[in-house]
N, C-alpha and C. Protein backbone atom coordinates (compact mmCIF):
# COMPACT_ATOMS: atom_id res chain seq x y z
N UNK A 1 18.60 23.86 10.17
CA UNK A 1 17.29 24.07 9.57
C UNK A 1 16.31 24.46 10.66
N UNK A 2 15.29 25.16 10.30
CA UNK A 2 14.26 25.59 11.24
C UNK A 2 13.27 24.46 11.49
N UNK A 3 12.46 24.62 12.51
CA UNK A 3 11.55 23.57 12.93
C UNK A 3 10.54 23.20 11.84
N UNK A 4 10.07 24.18 11.09
CA UNK A 4 9.12 23.90 10.01
C UNK A 4 9.72 23.00 8.94
N UNK A 5 10.97 23.26 8.59
CA UNK A 5 11.63 22.44 7.58
C UNK A 5 11.85 21.02 8.11
N UNK A 6 12.27 20.91 9.37
CA UNK A 6 12.46 19.58 9.96
C UNK A 6 11.14 18.81 9.98
N UNK A 7 10.06 19.50 10.31
CA UNK A 7 8.74 18.86 10.31
C UNK A 7 8.39 18.37 8.91
N UNK A 8 8.63 19.19 7.91
CA UNK A 8 8.32 18.79 6.52
C UNK A 8 9.18 17.61 6.07
N UNK A 9 10.45 17.64 6.42
CA UNK A 9 11.37 16.59 5.96
C UNK A 9 11.14 15.25 6.65
N UNK A 10 10.55 15.28 7.84
CA UNK A 10 10.35 14.03 8.59
C UNK A 10 8.90 13.59 8.65
N UNK A 11 7.98 14.50 8.32
CA UNK A 11 6.56 14.16 8.44
C UNK A 11 6.06 14.16 9.87
N UNK A 12 6.81 14.79 10.76
CA UNK A 12 6.47 14.85 12.18
C UNK A 12 6.04 16.28 12.49
N UNK A 13 5.00 16.44 13.28
CA UNK A 13 4.48 17.77 13.57
C UNK A 13 5.49 18.60 14.37
N UNK A 14 5.37 19.91 14.22
CA UNK A 14 6.21 20.81 15.01
C UNK A 14 5.98 20.60 16.49
N UNK A 15 4.75 20.35 16.85
CA UNK A 15 4.42 20.10 18.26
C UNK A 15 5.19 18.89 18.80
N UNK A 16 5.23 17.81 17.99
CA UNK A 16 5.99 16.62 18.41
C UNK A 16 7.47 16.92 18.52
N UNK A 17 7.99 17.70 17.59
CA UNK A 17 9.41 18.05 17.65
C UNK A 17 9.73 18.84 18.91
N UNK A 18 8.85 19.75 19.29
CA UNK A 18 9.05 20.50 20.54
C UNK A 18 9.02 19.55 21.75
N UNK A 19 8.11 18.57 21.69
CA UNK A 19 8.01 17.58 22.77
C UNK A 19 9.31 16.77 22.84
N UNK A 20 9.82 16.34 21.69
CA UNK A 20 11.08 15.58 21.69
C UNK A 20 12.19 16.40 22.32
N UNK A 21 12.21 17.67 22.00
CA UNK A 21 13.24 18.55 22.57
C UNK A 21 13.06 18.68 24.08
N UNK A 22 11.83 18.86 24.51
CA UNK A 22 11.54 19.00 25.94
C UNK A 22 11.95 17.74 26.71
N UNK A 23 11.79 16.59 26.06
CA UNK A 23 12.13 15.31 26.69
C UNK A 23 13.62 14.99 26.59
N UNK A 24 14.39 15.84 25.93
CA UNK A 24 15.83 15.63 25.81
C UNK A 24 16.21 14.65 24.71
N UNK A 25 15.29 14.34 23.82
CA UNK A 25 15.58 13.40 22.74
C UNK A 25 16.12 14.10 21.50
N UNK A 26 15.92 15.40 21.41
CA UNK A 26 16.30 16.18 20.24
C UNK A 26 16.85 17.51 20.73
N UNK A 27 17.87 17.99 20.05
CA UNK A 27 18.51 19.22 20.49
C UNK A 27 18.55 20.23 19.36
N UNK A 28 18.39 21.49 19.73
CA UNK A 28 18.45 22.57 18.76
C UNK A 28 19.23 23.73 19.36
N UNK A 29 19.97 24.40 18.51
CA UNK A 29 20.61 25.65 18.90
C UNK A 29 19.53 26.73 18.78
N UNK A 30 19.76 27.84 19.45
CA UNK A 30 18.83 28.98 19.35
C UNK A 30 19.52 30.14 18.65
N UNK A 31 18.78 30.75 17.73
CA UNK A 31 19.30 31.95 17.07
C UNK A 31 19.19 33.11 18.06
N UNK A 32 19.84 34.22 17.78
CA UNK A 32 19.69 35.39 18.66
C UNK A 32 18.23 35.81 18.82
N UNK A 33 17.41 35.51 17.82
CA UNK A 33 15.99 35.84 17.89
C UNK A 33 15.16 34.77 18.59
N UNK A 34 15.81 33.70 19.07
CA UNK A 34 15.11 32.65 19.80
C UNK A 34 14.56 31.52 18.96
N UNK A 35 14.81 31.53 17.66
CA UNK A 35 14.32 30.45 16.79
C UNK A 35 15.19 29.21 16.94
N UNK A 36 14.56 28.06 16.82
CA UNK A 36 15.31 26.81 16.87
C UNK A 36 16.03 26.59 15.54
N UNK A 37 17.26 26.11 15.63
CA UNK A 37 18.05 25.73 14.46
C UNK A 37 18.56 24.32 14.70
N UNK A 38 18.11 23.39 13.85
CA UNK A 38 18.50 21.99 13.98
C UNK A 38 19.59 21.65 12.98
N UNK A 39 20.52 20.79 13.37
CA UNK A 39 21.54 20.34 12.41
C UNK A 39 20.92 19.35 11.42
N UNK A 40 21.60 19.09 10.33
CA UNK A 40 21.10 18.14 9.32
C UNK A 40 20.87 16.76 9.93
N UNK A 41 21.68 16.38 10.90
CA UNK A 41 21.55 15.06 11.53
C UNK A 41 20.24 14.90 12.29
N UNK A 42 19.55 16.00 12.53
CA UNK A 42 18.27 15.92 13.26
C UNK A 42 17.23 15.12 12.49
N UNK A 43 17.32 15.12 11.16
CA UNK A 43 16.37 14.34 10.35
C UNK A 43 16.49 12.86 10.72
N UNK A 44 17.72 12.35 10.73
CA UNK A 44 17.92 10.94 11.09
C UNK A 44 17.51 10.67 12.53
N UNK A 45 17.80 11.62 13.41
CA UNK A 45 17.43 11.45 14.82
C UNK A 45 15.91 11.33 14.97
N UNK A 46 15.16 12.19 14.30
CA UNK A 46 13.70 12.17 14.39
C UNK A 46 13.16 10.86 13.81
N UNK A 47 13.72 10.42 12.70
CA UNK A 47 13.29 9.14 12.12
C UNK A 47 13.55 8.00 13.10
N UNK A 48 14.70 8.01 13.74
CA UNK A 48 15.03 6.97 14.72
C UNK A 48 14.05 7.03 15.90
N UNK A 49 13.71 8.22 16.37
CA UNK A 49 12.74 8.37 17.46
C UNK A 49 11.40 7.78 17.04
N UNK A 50 10.96 8.08 15.83
CA UNK A 50 9.69 7.56 15.33
C UNK A 50 9.72 6.03 15.27
N UNK A 51 10.83 5.47 14.83
CA UNK A 51 10.95 4.01 14.77
C UNK A 51 10.87 3.39 16.16
N UNK A 52 11.49 4.04 17.12
CA UNK A 52 11.46 3.51 18.49
C UNK A 52 10.06 3.62 19.10
N UNK A 53 9.36 4.71 18.81
CA UNK A 53 7.96 4.82 19.25
C UNK A 53 7.13 3.72 18.60
N UNK A 54 7.35 3.48 17.32
CA UNK A 54 6.59 2.44 16.61
C UNK A 54 6.87 1.06 17.18
N UNK A 55 8.05 0.88 17.75
CA UNK A 55 8.40 -0.40 18.37
C UNK A 55 7.77 -0.56 19.74
N UNK A 56 7.09 0.50 20.21
CA UNK A 56 6.38 0.40 21.48
C UNK A 56 7.12 0.96 22.67
N UNK A 57 8.25 1.62 22.46
CA UNK A 57 8.98 2.19 23.58
C UNK A 57 8.38 3.54 23.96
N UNK A 58 8.43 3.85 25.25
CA UNK A 58 7.92 5.13 25.74
C UNK A 58 9.02 6.18 25.61
N UNK A 59 8.63 7.45 25.70
CA UNK A 59 9.59 8.54 25.51
C UNK A 59 10.71 8.51 26.55
N UNK A 60 10.40 8.11 27.77
CA UNK A 60 11.45 8.05 28.80
C UNK A 60 12.53 7.05 28.40
N UNK A 61 12.11 5.87 27.93
CA UNK A 61 13.07 4.85 27.54
C UNK A 61 13.83 5.28 26.28
N UNK A 62 13.14 5.91 25.36
CA UNK A 62 13.80 6.39 24.15
C UNK A 62 14.87 7.42 24.52
N UNK A 63 14.53 8.32 25.43
CA UNK A 63 15.48 9.33 25.87
C UNK A 63 16.73 8.73 26.49
N UNK A 64 16.55 7.62 27.21
CA UNK A 64 17.71 6.94 27.81
C UNK A 64 18.48 6.13 26.77
N UNK A 65 17.77 5.67 25.75
CA UNK A 65 18.39 4.81 24.76
C UNK A 65 19.19 5.59 23.72
N UNK A 66 18.71 6.72 23.29
CA UNK A 66 19.35 7.46 22.19
C UNK A 66 20.84 7.72 22.41
N UNK A 67 21.26 8.13 23.60
CA UNK A 67 22.70 8.35 23.78
C UNK A 67 23.51 7.07 23.69
N UNK A 68 22.86 5.93 23.76
CA UNK A 68 23.56 4.64 23.75
C UNK A 68 23.60 4.00 22.37
N UNK A 69 22.99 4.63 21.41
CA UNK A 69 22.99 4.07 20.06
C UNK A 69 24.42 4.04 19.54
N UNK A 70 24.65 3.29 18.53
CA UNK A 70 26.01 3.12 18.00
C UNK A 70 26.65 4.47 17.69
N UNK A 71 27.92 4.55 18.02
CA UNK A 71 28.68 5.76 17.72
C UNK A 71 28.92 5.86 16.22
N UNK A 72 29.44 6.98 15.79
CA UNK A 72 29.67 7.20 14.37
C UNK A 72 30.65 6.20 13.78
N UNK A 73 31.51 5.59 14.61
CA UNK A 73 32.44 4.59 14.10
C UNK A 73 31.79 3.21 13.97
N UNK A 74 30.52 3.10 14.37
CA UNK A 74 29.81 1.83 14.24
C UNK A 74 29.90 0.95 15.48
N UNK A 75 30.74 1.34 16.42
CA UNK A 75 30.87 0.55 17.65
C UNK A 75 29.83 0.95 18.68
N UNK A 76 29.62 0.10 19.68
CA UNK A 76 28.64 0.44 20.70
C UNK A 76 29.10 1.65 21.51
N UNK A 77 28.17 2.46 21.91
CA UNK A 77 28.47 3.64 22.70
C UNK A 77 28.89 3.23 24.10
N UNK A 78 29.77 4.01 24.68
CA UNK A 78 30.20 3.75 26.06
C UNK A 78 29.05 3.94 27.04
N UNK A 79 28.00 4.65 26.62
CA UNK A 79 26.86 4.89 27.50
C UNK A 79 25.91 3.71 27.58
N UNK A 80 26.11 2.70 26.74
CA UNK A 80 25.24 1.51 26.76
C UNK A 80 25.60 0.67 27.98
N UNK A 81 24.67 0.54 28.90
CA UNK A 81 24.92 -0.20 30.13
C UNK A 81 24.28 -1.58 30.06
N UNK A 82 24.77 -2.54 30.84
CA UNK A 82 24.12 -3.85 30.88
C UNK A 82 22.65 -3.75 31.31
N UNK A 83 22.33 -2.81 32.19
CA UNK A 83 20.94 -2.64 32.63
C UNK A 83 20.06 -2.23 31.44
N UNK A 84 20.54 -1.28 30.64
CA UNK A 84 19.77 -0.85 29.49
C UNK A 84 19.61 -1.99 28.49
N UNK A 85 20.66 -2.75 28.27
CA UNK A 85 20.57 -3.90 27.36
C UNK A 85 19.52 -4.88 27.87
N UNK A 86 19.48 -5.11 29.18
CA UNK A 86 18.47 -6.01 29.75
C UNK A 86 17.07 -5.46 29.55
N UNK A 87 16.90 -4.16 29.74
CA UNK A 87 15.58 -3.54 29.53
C UNK A 87 15.14 -3.67 28.08
N UNK A 88 16.06 -3.44 27.16
CA UNK A 88 15.74 -3.53 25.75
C UNK A 88 15.46 -4.97 25.34
N UNK A 89 16.16 -5.91 25.92
CA UNK A 89 15.90 -7.32 25.66
C UNK A 89 14.49 -7.69 26.14
N UNK A 90 14.10 -7.15 27.28
CA UNK A 90 12.74 -7.38 27.79
C UNK A 90 11.70 -6.75 26.87
N UNK A 91 11.99 -5.57 26.34
CA UNK A 91 11.07 -4.91 25.39
C UNK A 91 10.91 -5.77 24.14
N UNK A 92 12.02 -6.31 23.67
CA UNK A 92 11.95 -7.17 22.48
C UNK A 92 11.12 -8.41 22.76
N UNK A 93 11.28 -9.00 23.92
CA UNK A 93 10.49 -10.17 24.28
C UNK A 93 9.00 -9.80 24.35
N UNK A 94 8.69 -8.61 24.85
CA UNK A 94 7.30 -8.15 24.91
C UNK A 94 6.72 -8.02 23.50
N UNK A 95 7.51 -7.46 22.60
CA UNK A 95 7.06 -7.33 21.21
C UNK A 95 6.85 -8.70 20.58
N UNK A 96 7.77 -9.63 20.84
CA UNK A 96 7.61 -11.00 20.32
C UNK A 96 6.32 -11.63 20.81
N UNK A 97 5.99 -11.42 22.09
CA UNK A 97 4.72 -11.95 22.63
C UNK A 97 3.53 -11.33 21.94
N UNK A 98 3.60 -10.03 21.69
CA UNK A 98 2.51 -9.35 20.98
C UNK A 98 2.35 -9.91 19.57
N UNK A 99 3.45 -10.15 18.89
CA UNK A 99 3.40 -10.72 17.55
C UNK A 99 2.76 -12.10 17.59
N UNK A 100 3.17 -12.92 18.55
CA UNK A 100 2.59 -14.26 18.69
C UNK A 100 1.08 -14.17 18.92
N UNK A 101 0.67 -13.26 19.80
CA UNK A 101 -0.76 -13.08 20.07
C UNK A 101 -1.51 -12.65 18.82
N UNK A 102 -0.94 -11.73 18.06
CA UNK A 102 -1.58 -11.28 16.83
C UNK A 102 -1.67 -12.39 15.80
N UNK A 103 -0.64 -13.21 15.70
CA UNK A 103 -0.67 -14.33 14.76
C UNK A 103 -1.76 -15.34 15.14
N UNK A 104 -1.90 -15.61 16.44
CA UNK A 104 -2.97 -16.51 16.89
C UNK A 104 -4.34 -15.91 16.59
N UNK A 105 -4.48 -14.61 16.80
CA UNK A 105 -5.75 -13.94 16.50
C UNK A 105 -6.06 -14.02 15.01
N UNK A 106 -5.04 -13.82 14.19
CA UNK A 106 -5.24 -13.90 12.74
C UNK A 106 -5.64 -15.31 12.32
N UNK A 107 -5.00 -16.32 12.92
CA UNK A 107 -5.34 -17.71 12.60
C UNK A 107 -6.78 -18.02 12.98
N UNK A 108 -7.20 -17.53 14.14
CA UNK A 108 -8.59 -17.74 14.57
C UNK A 108 -9.55 -17.06 13.61
N UNK A 109 -9.22 -15.85 13.22
CA UNK A 109 -10.06 -15.12 12.28
C UNK A 109 -10.13 -15.84 10.93
N UNK A 110 -9.00 -16.39 10.48
CA UNK A 110 -9.00 -17.17 9.24
C UNK A 110 -9.93 -18.37 9.34
N UNK A 111 -9.92 -19.03 10.49
CA UNK A 111 -10.80 -20.18 10.69
C UNK A 111 -12.27 -19.76 10.63
N UNK A 112 -12.59 -18.66 11.25
CA UNK A 112 -13.97 -18.16 11.25
C UNK A 112 -14.38 -17.78 9.84
N UNK A 113 -13.50 -17.12 9.12
CA UNK A 113 -13.81 -16.73 7.73
C UNK A 113 -14.04 -17.97 6.88
N UNK A 114 -13.20 -18.95 7.03
CA UNK A 114 -13.35 -20.19 6.25
C UNK A 114 -14.65 -20.89 6.61
N UNK A 115 -14.98 -20.94 7.89
CA UNK A 115 -16.24 -21.58 8.31
C UNK A 115 -17.45 -20.81 7.77
N UNK A 116 -17.34 -19.52 7.69
CA UNK A 116 -18.45 -18.70 7.18
C UNK A 116 -18.64 -18.87 5.68
N UNK A 117 -17.61 -19.26 4.98
CA UNK A 117 -17.71 -19.46 3.54
C UNK A 117 -18.37 -20.77 3.17
N UNK A 118 -18.31 -21.74 4.06
CA UNK A 118 -18.89 -23.05 3.75
C UNK A 118 -20.40 -22.95 3.65
N UNK A 119 -20.96 -23.63 2.63
CA UNK A 119 -22.44 -23.59 2.45
C UNK A 119 -23.17 -24.36 3.51
């Protein structure tokens, strides 16, 4: 599929798709006329990239992580290294800390709202 169709199917801008390609996170074949042609699997790849960005990972880490994702047989990829697993475990711990901080902030806000409601 062409870049415009991939953008429509994923809700991601063409500019972002070009960036993903430049960063090595997404691959496209080129037609003789120089147009990008993406395989159908690119839709899932772009969605996975978006999920990883939403989880707070930077493009460099996503680029290193994507080749290590589970293989088509469901088993771990041979490219998954203990170092990468440690980095991802640290990222998860960072996200957990952020969640804890947000929950404390919400609790404080709830207390303020409740106090403001009292006559």
